[in-house]
């Protein structure tokens, strides 16, 4: 049954990738609209997250942002199908603007290891191709449950000559070794870690369990951090990639300070582009002691 599911999902992704770009986005918006109109887990989680992170919104504003966010999630799904199936150069052609590329270039020229830091904002699959076009990093990721989908992604995500590392003990070690030898890696910093692998720091006004992994690699200046995001342009024509250097606080030997500094940067992007964040992710599943569960 799992094999059949995988074949069906991969087949659906390949069909999506045959559509014209505007149809891809239109279908994504339609999926998001259905997610907003019909009761489902994604809408429930997104609504909870938005109510906690943006408590100042009235009911109408909350619903508007919820609708826009689910539309964005739908677009990310269909757009990512294209990034998974298309040749990389076709996805790269959709990057219309780039801001801060010199930050990455200077980091790569430094001789130190480079940690590319991103989050589930905008389209991280297109960003993967862009980052890998600049260098040959190891991309850290959480494998999907369906084997057929994992095999497709493992193949498509290395089109630029880079490598990938799953979020296993072996994958983590390969990422650390790559940074120590002066190579580059790419890591999404916002998935919720285990309690032992993270600390609670503020994110959108909420204590949020956040991974210590990235700040730990930067602590003391052992490597350089660069934030990267591919944001969807308002006219739907493609993306703007924004890069910026990690703030000084992320190089602190104090774990809490480093993680908080990282979270503050991600929060700034999320507050600037709130409808492009994946609010359906159970980002706040683990709560501090004594605080009730959200989901």
Protein backbone atom coordinates (compact mmCIF):
# COMPACT_ATOMS: atom_id res chain seq x y z
CA UNK A 1 0.00 0.00 0.00
CA UNK A 2 2.82 2.41 0.86
CA UNK A 3 4.47 1.68 -2.49
CA UNK A 4 1.21 2.40 -4.33
CA UNK A 5 0.77 5.66 -2.41
CA UNK A 6 4.27 6.68 -3.36
CA UNK A 7 3.70 5.95 -7.04
CA UNK A 8 0.45 7.95 -7.02
CA UNK A 9 2.01 10.94 -5.24
CA UNK A 10 5.03 11.02 -7.56
CA UNK A 11 2.72 10.71 -10.56
CA UNK A 12 0.64 13.63 -9.29
CA UNK A 13 3.78 15.75 -8.80
CA UNK A 14 4.95 15.00 -12.33
CA UNK A 15 1.54 15.98 -13.74
CA UNK A 16 1.65 19.26 -11.82
CA UNK A 17 5.04 20.03 -13.31
CA UNK A 18 3.56 19.82 -16.82
CA UNK A 19 1.25 22.78 -16.19
CA UNK A 20 2.04 26.37 -17.25
CA UNK A 21 3.44 28.48 -14.41
CA UNK A 22 0.28 30.55 -13.91
CA UNK A 23 -1.79 27.36 -13.81
CA UNK A 24 0.60 25.94 -11.20
CA UNK A 25 0.02 28.98 -9.00
CA UNK A 26 -3.70 29.03 -9.70
CA UNK A 27 -4.04 25.40 -8.66
CA UNK A 28 -2.02 26.13 -5.53
CA UNK A 29 -4.35 29.01 -4.65
CA UNK A 30 -7.36 26.74 -5.22
CA UNK A 31 -5.90 24.11 -2.90
CA UNK A 32 -5.32 26.81 -0.29
CA UNK A 33 -8.89 28.09 -0.71
CA UNK A 34 -10.25 24.58 -0.10
CA UNK A 35 -8.03 24.27 2.97
CA UNK A 36 -9.55 27.52 4.24
CA UNK A 37 -13.16 26.64 3.47
CA UNK A 38 -13.26 23.01 4.58
CA UNK A 39 -12.49 21.76 8.11
CA UNK A 40 -9.06 20.14 8.15
CA UNK A 41 -5.99 19.77 10.31
CA UNK A 42 -3.87 22.28 8.41
CA UNK A 43 -6.44 25.04 8.84
CA UNK A 44 -6.85 24.25 12.52
CA UNK A 45 -3.10 24.30 13.23
CA UNK A 46 -2.53 27.45 11.16
CA UNK A 47 -5.41 29.25 12.88
CA UNK A 48 -4.06 28.32 16.32
CA UNK A 49 -0.53 29.43 15.44
CA UNK A 50 -1.70 32.76 14.02
CA UNK A 51 -3.94 33.51 17.01
CA UNK A 52 -1.01 32.94 19.39
CA UNK A 53 1.61 34.78 17.32
CA UNK A 54 -0.60 37.70 16.24
CA UNK A 55 -3.01 38.18 19.18
CA UNK A 56 -3.49 41.83 18.20
CA UNK A 57 -5.48 40.89 15.07
CA UNK A 58 -9.26 41.18 15.22
CA UNK A 59 -11.43 38.34 13.88
CA UNK A 60 -11.64 39.75 10.34
CA UNK A 61 -7.89 40.38 10.10
CA UNK A 62 -7.17 36.93 11.53
CA UNK A 63 -9.36 35.26 8.91
CA UNK A 64 -7.80 37.31 6.13
CA UNK A 65 -4.27 36.32 7.14
CA UNK A 66 -5.36 32.70 7.61
CA UNK A 67 -6.84 32.64 4.09
CA UNK A 68 -3.73 34.26 2.58
CA UNK A 69 -1.43 31.91 4.48
CA UNK A 70 -3.26 28.78 3.33
CA UNK A 71 -3.21 30.09 -0.24
CA UNK A 72 0.55 30.56 0.15
CA UNK A 73 0.94 27.02 1.50
CA UNK A 74 -1.03 25.69 -1.48
CA UNK A 75 1.22 27.61 -3.87
CA UNK A 76 4.33 26.35 -2.12
CA UNK A 77 3.07 22.78 -2.60
CA UNK A 78 2.43 23.10 -6.34
CA UNK A 79 5.48 25.29 -6.99
CA UNK A 80 7.68 22.83 -5.11
CA UNK A 81 6.38 20.01 -7.31
CA UNK A 82 7.88 21.91 -10.24
CA UNK A 83 11.18 22.42 -8.42
CA UNK A 84 11.26 18.68 -7.64
CA UNK A 85 10.61 17.60 -11.24
CA UNK A 86 11.96 20.33 -13.53
CA UNK A 87 15.62 20.67 -14.49
CA UNK A 88 17.21 23.05 -11.98
CA UNK A 89 17.87 25.78 -14.56
CA UNK A 90 14.13 26.13 -15.18
CA UNK A 91 13.50 26.86 -11.49
CA UNK A 92 16.48 29.21 -11.35
CA UNK A 93 14.99 31.26 -14.19
CA UNK A 94 12.17 32.19 -11.79
CA UNK A 95 14.60 34.00 -9.47
CA UNK A 96 13.98 37.56 -10.70
CA UNK A 97 15.78 39.52 -7.99
CA UNK A 98 18.69 38.85 -5.65
CA UNK A 99 19.65 40.99 -2.67
CA UNK A 100 22.83 40.49 -0.63
CA UNK A 101 24.62 37.92 -2.79
CA UNK A 102 27.94 39.54 -1.85
CA UNK A 103 27.39 38.35 1.74
CA UNK A 104 27.52 34.72 0.62
CA UNK A 105 30.40 35.35 -1.76
CA UNK A 106 32.48 36.94 0.99
CA UNK A 107 31.69 34.09 3.39
CA UNK A 108 32.71 31.48 0.79
CA UNK A 109 35.95 33.37 0.14
CA UNK A 110 36.83 33.50 3.85
CA UNK A 111 38.18 29.97 4.01
CA UNK A 112 35.86 29.13 6.90
CA UNK A 113 32.96 26.74 6.81
CA UNK A 114 29.68 28.37 5.73
CA UNK A 115 26.27 27.55 7.20
CA UNK A 116 23.37 28.62 4.99
CA UNK A 117 20.39 29.18 7.27
CA UNK A 118 16.79 29.23 6.11
CA UNK A 119 13.25 28.59 7.36
CA UNK A 120 9.89 27.41 6.03
CA UNK A 121 9.18 30.79 4.48
CA UNK A 122 8.59 31.39 0.79
CA UNK A 123 9.85 28.55 -1.41
CA UNK A 124 12.80 26.70 0.07
CA UNK A 125 12.97 24.22 -2.84
CA UNK A 126 13.75 26.99 -5.35
CA UNK A 127 16.14 28.42 -2.76
CA UNK A 128 17.91 25.05 -2.65
CA UNK A 129 18.69 25.28 -6.37
CA UNK A 130 19.84 28.90 -6.02
CA UNK A 131 22.17 28.15 -3.11
CA UNK A 132 23.60 25.10 -4.83
CA UNK A 133 24.28 27.18 -7.96
CA UNK A 134 26.59 29.39 -5.84
CA UNK A 135 28.55 26.59 -4.17
CA UNK A 136 28.32 22.83 -3.60
CA UNK A 137 26.83 22.52 -0.10
CA UNK A 138 25.42 19.59 1.78
CA UNK A 139 21.68 20.23 2.19
CA UNK A 140 20.23 18.97 5.47
CA UNK A 141 16.63 17.75 5.31
CA UNK A 142 14.00 15.60 6.98
CA UNK A 143 13.11 12.68 4.68
CA UNK A 144 9.41 12.34 3.74
CA UNK A 145 7.62 9.22 4.93
CA UNK A 146 6.93 7.82 1.45
CA UNK A 147 10.02 6.11 0.03
CA UNK A 148 9.17 6.95 -3.59
CA UNK A 149 8.91 10.66 -2.75
CA UNK A 150 12.16 10.54 -0.77
CA UNK A 151 13.92 8.92 -3.73
CA UNK A 152 12.59 11.60 -6.09
CA UNK A 153 13.69 14.43 -3.81
CA UNK A 154 17.09 12.86 -3.12
CA UNK A 155 17.68 12.76 -6.88
CA UNK A 156 16.31 16.19 -7.77
CA UNK A 157 17.92 18.06 -4.89
CA UNK A 158 21.43 17.14 -6.09
CA UNK A 159 21.08 18.37 -9.68
CA UNK A 160 23.66 21.10 -9.10
CA UNK A 161 26.39 18.70 -8.00
CA UNK A 162 25.76 19.17 -4.29
CA UNK A 163 24.96 16.50 -1.71
CA UNK A 164 22.09 15.94 0.72
CA UNK A 165 22.09 14.66 4.29
CA UNK A 166 18.99 13.29 6.05
CA UNK A 167 18.27 14.26 9.64
CA UNK A 168 19.84 11.10 11.03
CA UNK A 169 22.89 10.68 13.26
CA UNK A 170 24.99 9.96 10.17
CA UNK A 171 23.55 12.98 8.35
CA UNK A 172 24.25 15.29 11.26
CA UNK A 173 27.84 14.07 11.48
CA UNK A 174 28.38 14.61 7.75
CA UNK A 175 27.13 18.20 8.04
CA UNK A 176 29.41 18.93 11.02
CA UNK A 177 32.43 17.41 9.24
CA UNK A 178 31.72 19.44 6.11
CA UNK A 179 31.67 22.70 8.06
CA UNK A 180 34.81 21.81 10.01
CA UNK A 181 36.75 21.20 6.81
CA UNK A 182 35.69 24.59 5.42
CA UNK A 183 32.80 23.46 3.25
CA UNK A 184 29.25 24.79 2.98
CA UNK A 185 25.96 23.36 4.26
CA UNK A 186 22.32 24.40 4.16
CA UNK A 187 20.01 23.94 7.14
CA UNK A 188 16.36 24.84 7.83
CA UNK A 189 16.52 26.30 11.35
CA UNK A 190 12.85 26.30 12.33
CA UNK A 191 11.67 22.66 12.60
CA UNK A 192 10.96 21.84 16.23
CA UNK A 193 13.83 19.78 17.73
CA UNK A 194 13.79 17.30 20.60
CA UNK A 195 13.86 18.83 24.07
CA UNK A 196 17.52 17.89 24.51
CA UNK A 197 18.50 19.49 21.18
CA UNK A 198 16.86 22.87 21.72
CA UNK A 199 16.10 25.71 24.10
CA UNK A 200 13.01 27.86 24.50
CA UNK A 201 13.53 31.35 23.09
CA UNK A 202 11.08 34.04 21.93
CA UNK A 203 9.54 33.75 18.46
CA UNK A 204 6.69 36.10 17.57
CA UNK A 205 6.19 36.75 21.28
CA UNK A 206 5.92 33.05 22.13
CA UNK A 207 8.45 30.86 23.99
CA UNK A 208 9.42 28.43 21.22
CA UNK A 209 11.64 25.34 21.36
CA UNK A 210 14.39 26.11 18.86
CA UNK A 211 17.35 24.04 17.69
CA UNK A 212 20.84 24.64 19.08
CA UNK A 213 22.46 23.00 16.06
CA UNK A 214 23.23 26.03 13.88
CA UNK A 215 24.39 28.43 16.63
CA UNK A 216 26.52 25.60 18.01
CA UNK A 217 28.42 25.37 14.73
CA UNK A 218 28.94 29.14 14.62
CA UNK A 219 29.87 29.67 18.29
CA UNK A 220 33.20 31.38 18.73
CA UNK A 221 33.47 32.15 15.02
CA UNK A 222 34.27 28.56 14.02
CA UNK A 223 32.14 29.05 10.89
CA UNK A 224 30.17 31.84 9.19
CA UNK A 225 26.38 31.98 8.97
CA UNK A 226 24.33 33.37 6.08
CA UNK A 227 20.54 33.62 6.07
CA UNK A 228 18.84 32.85 2.75
CA UNK A 229 15.16 33.06 1.75
CA UNK A 230 13.36 32.90 -1.60
CA UNK A 231 10.24 35.08 -1.27
CA UNK A 232 7.37 34.99 -3.72
CA UNK A 233 6.98 38.22 -5.69
CA UNK A 234 3.62 39.98 -5.41
CA UNK A 235 2.93 39.73 -9.14
CA UNK A 236 3.44 35.96 -9.13
CA UNK A 237 6.23 36.11 -11.71
CA UNK A 238 8.80 34.37 -9.53
CA UNK A 239 10.96 35.02 -6.49
CA UNK A 240 13.30 37.43 -4.80
CA UNK A 241 16.19 35.79 -2.97
CA UNK A 242 17.40 37.73 0.07
CA UNK A 243 20.70 36.95 1.79
CA UNK A 244 22.12 38.48 4.97
CA UNK A 245 24.94 37.76 7.37
CA UNK A 246 24.14 36.10 10.68
CA UNK A 247 24.12 38.67 13.52
CA UNK A 248 26.96 38.91 16.03
CA UNK A 249 24.83 37.28 18.72
CA UNK A 250 24.78 33.98 16.85
CA UNK A 251 28.54 33.63 17.37
CA UNK A 252 28.18 33.81 21.14
CA UNK A 253 29.50 30.96 23.28
CA UNK A 254 26.30 31.32 25.29
CA UNK A 255 23.83 28.83 23.79
CA UNK A 256 20.71 30.74 24.75
CA UNK A 257 22.01 33.99 23.32
CA UNK A 258 23.00 32.35 20.04
CA UNK A 259 19.65 30.60 19.58
CA UNK A 260 17.68 33.73 20.51
CA UNK A 261 19.65 35.78 17.97
CA UNK A 262 18.85 33.25 15.26
CA UNK A 263 15.17 33.16 16.18
CA UNK A 264 14.97 36.96 16.08
CA UNK A 265 16.18 37.04 12.47
CA UNK A 266 13.67 34.40 11.37
CA UNK A 267 10.90 36.25 13.23
CA UNK A 268 11.76 39.47 11.40
CA UNK A 269 11.33 37.76 8.05
CA UNK A 270 8.12 36.05 9.13
CA UNK A 271 6.61 39.30 10.37
CA UNK A 272 7.57 41.00 7.09
CA UNK A 273 6.08 38.20 4.95
CA UNK A 274 3.54 36.53 7.27
CA UNK A 275 1.39 35.02 4.51
CA UNK A 276 4.41 33.15 3.10
CA UNK A 277 5.21 31.19 6.26
CA UNK A 278 4.13 27.57 6.67
CA UNK A 279 1.79 28.17 9.60
CA UNK A 280 0.33 24.67 9.18
CA UNK A 281 3.55 23.29 10.70
CA UNK A 282 3.20 22.25 14.36
CA UNK A 283 6.00 24.62 15.28
CA UNK A 284 4.85 25.01 18.88
CA UNK A 285 4.01 21.39 19.73
CA UNK A 286 6.28 21.21 22.78
CA UNK A 287 5.48 23.79 25.45
CA UNK A 288 7.38 24.95 28.55
CA UNK A 289 6.58 23.06 31.76
CA UNK A 290 3.15 23.91 33.06
CA UNK A 291 1.85 25.38 29.82
CA UNK A 292 -1.06 23.55 28.12
CA UNK A 293 -0.65 21.95 24.71
CA UNK A 294 -1.77 23.94 21.68
CA UNK A 295 -2.72 21.06 19.40
